[in-house]
Structures are given as C-alpha cells and as structure tokens.
Amino acid sequence: MQKVVSNSSPLIHLAKIERLDLLKDYFEIVSIPEAVYRECIVDGKDREEVGLIKGAEWIKVIRVGNSKLVKLLRASLDEGESEAIALSLEVGADLVLLDDCGAREKARLFGLKITGTIGVLLKAKKENKIKLLGEELRRLRETGFWIGSELEARLLQEAGEL
C-alpha cells in the first residue's frame, strides 16, 4: 500500500467539487499532519465541505516529530505545507499531495514525489473515473482554485479534450 501524505488544499478543493472519494480510490489511506487537520476541520468549521473531510475515516492524522525541520520550512511555507513535507519525510511517503508552487519546490529538494489536485483529476480522467476534465477544472476554478490558461490547455490536450 502506498504511503501518501496530503496538505489541506487538495483535500479542501476535491471535497468542494465532490471528488474527495478519488483519493480513497487511489490511495486507501491518506495521512495528514495536525496542522492540516486544523486548517481543514478546525479553521474551516463553517465551510460545507468540512463534513466530507471529517467523515472520511481513511484520512489519518499523525503528529510530526521533527519540529526543527518544520520550523526551518516555516521560514518560507505555511504551517500545513511545512508539516506535510516533514511528515512525508518521517513516514517515508511514496507521494505527497501539494498544490502550492513554493511547497512543491521545497518538497522536490528533499526528493519527494509530488502530485496535487489537478494531478489527481488528470489521473481520474485517464482512468475514466470522470468524464470531462474540462468540466472538473471549471468547477475547481469556481472554488477559488487558480489555474493558468496555458496549463489548462496542456491538461486538456493531454486528456484528449482539445
């Protein structure tokens, strides 16, 4: 079984477009650090997608042990991203789910394999779990998720929708 750690953004945005189940389909268990739990559940308690995330028994909260690494990463990343990277290193994660460009850059420095919300949706399109990637990207943008037009065009081409 793959060891997967997630930051809050993929959980929140996939829940907002009602595609959180894709993570369970692909990974069975997704680990999150305590900071990500706080960002998704505690800080977001008034958001409607919180119930989906909180009710997902396959999302496991794990305490990060390396506080020094978290503190170092906090110099340029937010708490959730910092803890997600540190936890990925601690548990020997096969994959870390991150959307933020800066966080992805830092994770690559540590040799971590990365995907994010869009990567999950592209995989789902290729495996016929969703019909139209373009429709999912439109719904994603409506949640406040930013995606550049060049990237979107490349994704739609790769998905066979252009």
Protein backbone atom coordinates (compact mmCIF):
# COMPACT_ATOMS: atom_id res chain seq x y z
CA MET A 1 0.00 0.00 0.00
CA GLN A 2 1.27 3.45 -0.97
CA LYS A 3 2.13 5.87 1.83
CA VAL A 4 0.52 9.21 0.96
CA VAL A 5 0.59 12.49 2.88
CA SER A 6 -1.60 15.46 1.97
CA ASN A 7 -1.63 19.18 2.57
CA SER A 8 -5.00 20.87 3.08
CA SER A 9 -5.51 22.31 -0.42
CA PRO A 10 -6.08 19.01 -2.28
CA LEU A 11 -8.48 17.82 0.44
CA ILE A 12 -10.45 21.05 0.53
CA HIS A 13 -10.71 21.56 -3.22
CA LEU A 14 -11.51 17.95 -4.06
CA ALA A 15 -14.18 17.98 -1.33
CA LYS A 16 -15.63 21.23 -2.71
CA ILE A 17 -16.13 19.62 -6.14
CA GLU A 18 -17.34 16.36 -4.55
CA ARG A 19 -14.32 14.34 -5.75
CA LEU A 20 -12.67 13.59 -2.39
CA ASP A 21 -13.53 9.93 -2.97
CA LEU A 22 -10.88 9.79 -5.71
CA LEU A 23 -8.20 9.96 -3.01
CA LYS A 24 -9.69 6.93 -1.25
CA ASP A 25 -9.94 5.06 -4.57
CA TYR A 26 -6.30 5.71 -5.39
CA PHE A 27 -4.57 5.61 -2.04
CA GLU A 28 -6.81 3.80 0.52
CA ILE A 29 -5.26 5.81 3.38
CA VAL A 30 -4.12 9.43 3.28
CA SER A 31 -2.11 10.71 6.23
CA ILE A 32 -2.24 14.34 7.28
CA PRO A 33 -0.29 16.23 9.94
CA GLU A 34 -2.09 18.00 12.78
CA ALA A 35 -1.67 21.44 11.14
CA VAL A 36 -3.52 20.22 8.06
CA TYR A 37 -6.30 18.83 10.25
CA ARG A 38 -6.60 22.24 11.92
CA GLU A 39 -6.65 24.05 8.55
CA CYS A 40 -9.28 21.71 7.08
CA ILE A 41 -11.51 21.00 10.06
CA VAL A 42 -11.00 23.48 12.88
CA ASP A 43 -10.29 26.70 10.96
CA GLY A 44 -12.77 25.78 8.24
CA LYS A 45 -15.59 24.68 10.54
CA ASP A 46 -18.10 26.93 8.73
CA ARG A 47 -17.35 25.55 5.26
CA GLU A 48 -19.74 22.95 3.91
CA GLU A 49 -17.00 20.57 2.69
CA VAL A 50 -15.67 20.10 6.24
CA GLY A 51 -18.18 17.31 6.88
CA LEU A 52 -16.87 15.32 3.94
CA ILE A 53 -13.28 15.61 5.12
CA LYS A 54 -14.09 15.00 8.78
CA GLY A 55 -16.22 11.97 7.90
CA ALA A 56 -13.52 10.36 5.76
CA GLU A 57 -12.31 7.58 8.05
CA TRP A 58 -9.48 6.83 5.62
CA ILE A 59 -7.81 10.17 6.41
CA LYS A 60 -5.44 9.61 9.34
CA VAL A 61 -3.99 12.41 11.49
CA ILE A 62 -0.36 11.92 12.53
CA ARG A 63 1.77 14.11 14.80
CA VAL A 64 5.01 15.35 13.20
CA GLY A 65 8.05 14.53 15.33
CA ASN A 66 10.68 16.72 13.65
CA SER A 67 9.80 20.17 14.96
CA LYS A 68 13.19 21.56 13.89
CA LEU A 69 12.51 20.74 10.24
CA VAL A 70 9.00 22.21 10.49
CA LYS A 71 10.46 25.41 11.96
CA LEU A 72 13.03 25.60 9.16
CA LEU A 73 10.36 25.10 6.47
CA ARG A 74 8.09 27.70 8.15
CA ALA A 75 10.58 30.37 7.05
CA SER A 76 9.05 30.15 3.55
CA LEU A 77 5.94 27.95 3.78
CA ASP A 78 2.75 27.88 5.81
CA GLU A 79 2.34 25.53 8.75
CA GLY A 80 0.33 22.87 6.92
CA GLU A 81 2.74 22.68 3.99
CA SER A 82 5.72 22.57 6.35
CA GLU A 83 4.23 19.77 8.42
CA ALA A 84 3.10 17.83 5.31
CA ILE A 85 6.66 17.84 3.93
CA ALA A 86 8.18 16.94 7.31
CA LEU A 87 5.65 14.12 7.83
CA SER A 88 6.30 12.79 4.32
CA LEU A 89 9.98 12.51 5.16
CA GLU A 90 9.31 10.93 8.56
CA VAL A 91 6.98 8.20 7.29
CA GLY A 92 8.88 7.61 4.04
CA ALA A 93 5.89 8.67 1.95
CA ASP A 94 5.66 7.44 -1.62
CA LEU A 95 3.74 10.59 -2.56
CA VAL A 96 2.88 13.99 -1.10
CA LEU A 97 -0.16 15.95 -2.26
CA LEU A 98 0.68 19.66 -2.58
CA ASP A 99 -0.76 22.39 -4.79
CA ASP A 100 1.36 25.40 -3.83
CA CYS A 101 4.29 26.01 -6.18
CA GLY A 102 6.69 27.01 -3.40
CA ALA A 103 5.81 23.95 -1.32
CA ARG A 104 6.27 21.68 -4.34
CA GLU A 105 9.68 23.25 -4.97
CA LYS A 106 10.77 22.60 -1.36
CA ALA A 107 9.44 19.03 -1.46
CA ARG A 108 11.47 18.35 -4.62
CA LEU A 109 14.61 19.49 -2.79
CA PHE A 110 14.01 16.62 -0.37
CA GLY A 111 13.45 14.17 -3.23
CA LEU A 112 9.75 13.73 -2.56
CA LYS A 113 7.38 12.60 -5.31
CA ILE A 114 4.56 15.11 -5.70
CA THR A 115 1.14 15.45 -7.21
CA GLY A 116 -1.78 17.72 -6.39
CA THR A 117 -5.44 18.34 -7.03
CA ILE A 118 -5.01 18.66 -10.79
CA GLY A 119 -2.80 15.57 -10.97
CA VAL A 120 -5.48 13.52 -9.21
CA LEU A 121 -8.14 14.78 -11.62
CA LEU A 122 -5.98 14.09 -14.69
CA LYS A 123 -5.35 10.55 -13.47
CA ALA A 124 -9.10 10.13 -12.92
CA LYS A 125 -9.81 11.30 -16.47
CA LYS A 126 -7.23 8.90 -17.94
CA GLU A 127 -8.79 6.04 -15.96
CA ASN A 128 -12.36 7.02 -16.94
CA LYS A 129 -13.40 7.84 -13.38
CA ILE A 130 -14.52 11.28 -14.57
CA LYS A 131 -16.00 12.11 -17.97
CA LEU A 132 -14.61 15.56 -18.73
CA LEU A 133 -11.51 17.05 -17.18
CA GLY A 134 -12.51 20.46 -18.54
CA GLU A 135 -15.74 20.36 -16.54
CA GLU A 136 -13.90 19.41 -13.35
CA LEU A 137 -11.36 22.21 -13.90
CA ARG A 138 -14.22 24.69 -14.36
CA ARG A 139 -15.80 23.53 -11.10
CA LEU A 140 -12.40 23.75 -9.41
CA ARG A 141 -11.93 27.36 -10.55
CA GLU A 142 -15.35 28.16 -9.07
CA THR A 143 -13.98 27.09 -5.66
CA GLY A 144 -11.24 29.72 -5.89
CA PHE A 145 -8.58 27.36 -7.23
CA TRP A 146 -6.30 29.21 -9.65
CA ILE A 147 -5.15 27.55 -12.84
CA GLY A 148 -3.30 29.30 -15.65
CA SER A 149 -4.73 29.19 -19.17
CA GLU A 150 -1.55 27.65 -20.63
CA LEU A 151 -1.55 24.86 -18.06
CA GLU A 152 -5.25 24.25 -18.61
CA ALA A 153 -4.73 23.98 -22.37
CA ARG A 154 -1.88 21.46 -21.86
CA LEU A 155 -4.02 19.42 -19.47
CA LEU A 156 -6.99 19.36 -21.82
CA GLN A 157 -4.74 18.32 -24.67
CA GLU A 158 -3.23 15.53 -22.57
CA ALA A 159 -6.76 14.44 -21.61
CA GLY A 160 -7.78 14.35 -25.27
CA GLU A 161 -10.31 17.15 -24.87
CA LEU A 162 -8.73 19.69 -27.28
